Protein backbone atom coordinates (compact mmCIF):
# COMPACT_ATOMS: atom_id res chain seq x y z
CA MET A 1 7.92 4.51 -53.59
CA ARG A 2 9.56 1.11 -54.03
CA THR A 3 8.73 -0.67 -50.80
CA ALA A 4 8.07 -4.23 -49.71
CA GLU A 5 7.35 -6.28 -46.61
CA ILE A 6 8.22 -9.95 -46.27
CA THR A 7 7.51 -12.34 -43.40
CA ARG A 8 9.38 -15.63 -43.17
CA ASN A 9 8.47 -18.17 -40.50
CA THR A 10 10.24 -21.52 -40.14
CA ASN A 11 10.89 -23.94 -37.31
CA GLU A 12 14.21 -22.15 -36.81
CA THR A 13 13.42 -18.45 -37.30
CA ARG A 14 10.64 -15.90 -37.47
CA ILE A 15 11.56 -12.81 -39.46
CA ARG A 16 9.77 -9.71 -40.73
CA ALA A 17 11.61 -7.40 -43.12
CA VAL A 18 10.40 -4.09 -44.53
CA VAL A 19 12.46 -2.14 -47.08
CA ASN A 20 12.17 1.18 -48.84
CA LEU A 21 14.64 1.36 -51.73
CA ASP A 22 14.14 5.13 -51.99
CA GLY A 23 14.78 5.76 -48.33
CA THR A 24 16.90 8.17 -46.36
CA GLY A 25 18.77 5.76 -44.10
CA LYS A 26 16.16 4.92 -41.47
CA GLN A 27 16.56 1.64 -39.64
CA ASN A 28 15.06 -0.63 -37.02
CA LEU A 29 17.35 -3.63 -36.62
CA GLN A 30 16.52 -6.28 -34.06
CA THR A 31 17.99 -9.60 -35.19
CA GLY A 32 19.27 -10.77 -31.82
CA VAL A 33 22.80 -10.84 -33.31
CA PRO A 34 24.41 -7.50 -32.38
CA PHE A 35 27.25 -7.67 -34.91
CA LEU A 36 24.77 -8.47 -37.70
CA ASP A 37 22.72 -5.44 -36.66
CA HIS A 38 25.91 -3.36 -36.90
CA MET A 39 26.59 -4.66 -40.42
CA LEU A 40 22.99 -4.16 -41.57
CA ASP A 41 23.28 -0.59 -40.34
CA GLN A 42 26.14 -0.13 -42.81
CA ILE A 43 23.81 -1.17 -45.66
CA VAL A 44 21.18 1.29 -44.45
CA ARG A 45 23.54 4.23 -44.05
CA HIS A 46 25.62 3.72 -47.16
CA GLY A 47 22.85 2.41 -49.40
CA LEU A 48 20.20 4.90 -48.21
CA ILE A 49 17.80 1.98 -48.08
CA ASP A 50 15.38 2.09 -45.16
CA ILE A 51 15.40 -1.32 -43.49
CA ASP A 52 13.21 -2.58 -40.66
CA ILE A 53 14.07 -6.15 -39.63
CA VAL A 54 12.84 -7.98 -36.55
CA ALA A 55 14.02 -11.55 -36.12
CA GLU A 56 13.64 -14.29 -33.55
CA GLY A 57 15.86 -17.29 -34.09
CA ASP A 58 17.26 -20.36 -32.41
CA LEU A 59 20.21 -18.44 -30.99
CA HIS A 60 20.51 -21.02 -28.19
CA ILE A 61 22.04 -23.26 -30.89
CA ASP A 62 24.06 -20.59 -32.71
CA ALA A 63 23.52 -17.61 -35.01
CA HIS A 64 23.71 -19.54 -38.29
CA HIS A 65 20.00 -19.90 -39.04
CA THR A 66 19.22 -16.33 -38.02
CA VAL A 67 21.98 -14.76 -40.12
CA GLU A 68 21.22 -16.88 -43.18
CA ASP A 69 17.46 -16.33 -42.94
CA VAL A 70 17.87 -12.58 -42.48
CA GLY A 71 19.84 -12.62 -45.75
CA ILE A 72 17.09 -14.64 -47.42
CA THR A 73 14.29 -12.40 -46.15
CA LEU A 74 16.12 -9.19 -47.03
CA GLY A 75 16.79 -10.58 -50.51
CA GLN A 76 13.11 -11.41 -50.98
CA ALA A 77 12.10 -7.93 -49.83
CA VAL A 78 14.54 -6.19 -52.18
CA ALA A 79 13.41 -8.35 -55.11
CA LYS A 80 9.77 -7.54 -54.42
CA ALA A 81 10.44 -3.81 -53.99
CA VAL A 82 12.48 -3.48 -57.21
CA GLY A 83 9.76 -5.22 -59.23
CA ASN A 84 10.49 -5.68 -62.94
CA LYS A 85 13.61 -3.46 -62.66
CA ALA A 86 12.39 -1.01 -65.29
CA GLY A 87 14.48 2.15 -65.30
CA ILE A 88 17.14 1.07 -62.79
CA ARG A 89 20.86 1.30 -63.48
CA ARG A 90 21.13 -2.48 -62.86
CA TYR A 91 24.87 -2.53 -62.12
CA GLY A 92 26.57 -1.10 -59.06
CA HIS A 93 30.06 -1.17 -57.67
CA ALA A 94 32.01 0.34 -54.80
CA TYR A 95 35.43 0.32 -53.21
CA VAL A 96 35.46 1.12 -49.49
CA PRO A 97 38.50 1.49 -47.22
CA LEU A 98 38.61 1.40 -43.43
CA ASP A 99 42.10 2.04 -42.15
CA GLU A 100 44.22 -0.84 -43.49
CA ALA A 101 41.28 -2.76 -45.00
CA LEU A 102 39.92 -2.30 -48.52
CA SER A 103 37.00 -4.13 -50.13
CA ARG A 104 35.33 -4.08 -53.54
CA VAL A 105 31.73 -5.15 -54.17
CA VAL A 106 30.08 -5.38 -57.60
CA VAL A 107 26.39 -6.24 -58.07
CA ASP A 108 24.22 -6.96 -61.10
CA PHE A 109 20.44 -7.19 -60.78
CA SER A 110 20.60 -9.82 -63.51
CA GLY A 111 17.80 -12.14 -62.43
CA ARG A 112 20.45 -14.86 -62.04
CA PRO A 113 21.76 -15.74 -58.59
CA GLY A 114 25.53 -16.01 -58.39
CA LEU A 115 28.01 -15.29 -55.62
CA GLU A 116 31.78 -14.90 -55.81
CA PHE A 117 32.95 -14.32 -52.24
CA HIS A 118 36.65 -13.83 -51.58
CA VAL A 119 37.26 -12.56 -48.07
CA PRO A 120 40.32 -14.06 -46.35
CA PHE A 121 39.33 -13.19 -42.79
CA THR A 122 42.32 -12.96 -40.48
CA ARG A 123 40.49 -14.61 -37.60
CA ALA A 124 37.49 -16.89 -37.12
CA MET A 125 35.48 -14.76 -34.70
CA ILE A 126 34.64 -11.07 -34.42
CA GLY A 127 33.53 -10.92 -30.82
CA GLN A 128 30.79 -13.56 -30.67
CA PHE A 129 30.22 -13.49 -34.45
CA ASP A 130 31.50 -16.40 -36.56
CA VAL A 131 32.98 -14.85 -39.72
CA ASP A 132 31.75 -17.84 -41.80
CA LEU A 133 28.25 -16.45 -41.37
CA THR A 134 29.14 -13.45 -43.53
CA ARG A 135 29.15 -15.64 -46.62
CA GLU A 136 25.91 -17.33 -45.48
CA PHE A 137 24.21 -13.93 -45.26
CA PHE A 138 25.27 -12.95 -48.77
CA GLN A 139 24.44 -16.38 -50.23
CA GLY A 140 20.92 -16.11 -48.80
CA PHE A 141 20.55 -12.59 -50.18
CA VAL A 142 21.86 -13.51 -53.64
CA ASN A 143 19.65 -16.59 -53.97
CA HIS A 144 16.48 -14.66 -53.19
CA ALA A 145 17.19 -11.20 -54.63
CA LEU A 146 18.31 -12.98 -57.83
CA VAL A 147 21.48 -10.94 -58.23
CA THR A 148 25.04 -11.65 -59.28
CA LEU A 149 27.37 -10.45 -56.53
CA HIS A 150 31.17 -10.28 -56.42
CA VAL A 151 32.68 -9.57 -53.01
CA ASP A 152 36.44 -9.12 -52.70
CA ASN A 153 38.41 -8.02 -49.67
CA LEU A 154 41.56 -6.75 -51.33
CA ARG A 155 43.52 -6.28 -48.12
CA GLY A 156 43.07 -6.14 -44.40
CA VAL A 157 44.55 -7.19 -41.08
CA ASN A 158 41.68 -6.48 -38.69
CA ALA A 159 38.74 -8.86 -39.30
CA HIS A 160 36.21 -6.30 -38.05
CA HIS A 161 37.55 -3.80 -40.59
CA GLN A 162 37.48 -6.43 -43.34
CA CYS A 163 33.83 -7.26 -42.66
CA GLU A 164 32.75 -3.66 -42.25
CA THR A 165 34.30 -2.58 -45.54
CA VAL A 166 32.44 -5.42 -47.27
CA PHE A 167 29.05 -4.34 -45.90
CA LYS A 168 29.69 -0.65 -46.56
CA ALA A 169 30.72 -1.39 -50.14
CA PHE A 170 27.67 -3.65 -50.55
CA GLY A 171 25.38 -0.83 -49.43
CA ARG A 172 26.98 1.63 -51.85
CA ALA A 173 26.88 -0.87 -54.73
CA LEU A 174 23.19 -1.53 -54.05
CA ARG A 175 22.48 2.18 -54.02
CA MET A 176 24.12 2.64 -57.41
CA ALA A 177 22.43 -0.38 -59.01
CA LEU A 178 18.96 0.42 -57.68
CA GLU A 179 18.97 4.10 -58.61
CA VAL A 180 16.49 5.09 -61.28
CA ASP A 181 18.39 6.22 -64.37
CA PRO A 182 16.63 9.29 -65.82
CA ARG A 183 18.16 8.61 -69.24
CA ALA A 184 16.75 5.06 -69.37
CA GLY A 185 13.19 6.24 -69.98
CA GLY A 186 11.75 3.49 -67.81
CA ALA A 187 13.19 0.71 -69.98
CA VAL A 188 14.36 -2.57 -68.53
CA PRO A 189 18.19 -2.45 -68.73
CA SER A 190 18.66 -5.59 -70.83
CA THR A 191 18.71 -6.41 -74.54
CA LYS A 192 16.29 -9.22 -73.67
CA GLY A 193 13.72 -6.68 -72.46
CA VAL A 194 13.30 -8.58 -69.21
CA LEU A 195 15.46 -9.34 -66.18
């Protein structure tokens, strides 16, 4: 199975992440940021990626370092688990609605980090969660998973719904991109022969 474990320790955070790309939706999420745990659960359930993340961060300051570093660590774990990307579909996309909100996420396991993030949140906070941290999570993931990621919230009034549709669509796009393509014969999905 395609699994990986990453530990990241800094002066600001201590994080351990374990992933199984061929999972069934099992999770252990203890980041200290309840809304982040809720969003990570969307990735688990909709991506069928088992994720075990335990984080301790400087939450007495704010959640910024924890959220960003969880994105970094998860990105590193996914990159390690997918390996040389032989046989995967490489590209994934999903549209996900939640009541009035609709988001589209497209991912390419290209080996090149790039983020296009277009989410016009309708308010600055979702409970105690600063919506700016959503982009920080995805930027950390993109930089360390080495993927190109396009995130677009196409409509929405409720910020919670906007954010949740983004994470659900991200999980589904990951699932599609990371699936092993039986027709690929184990080849790396690139004319270069390497990603």
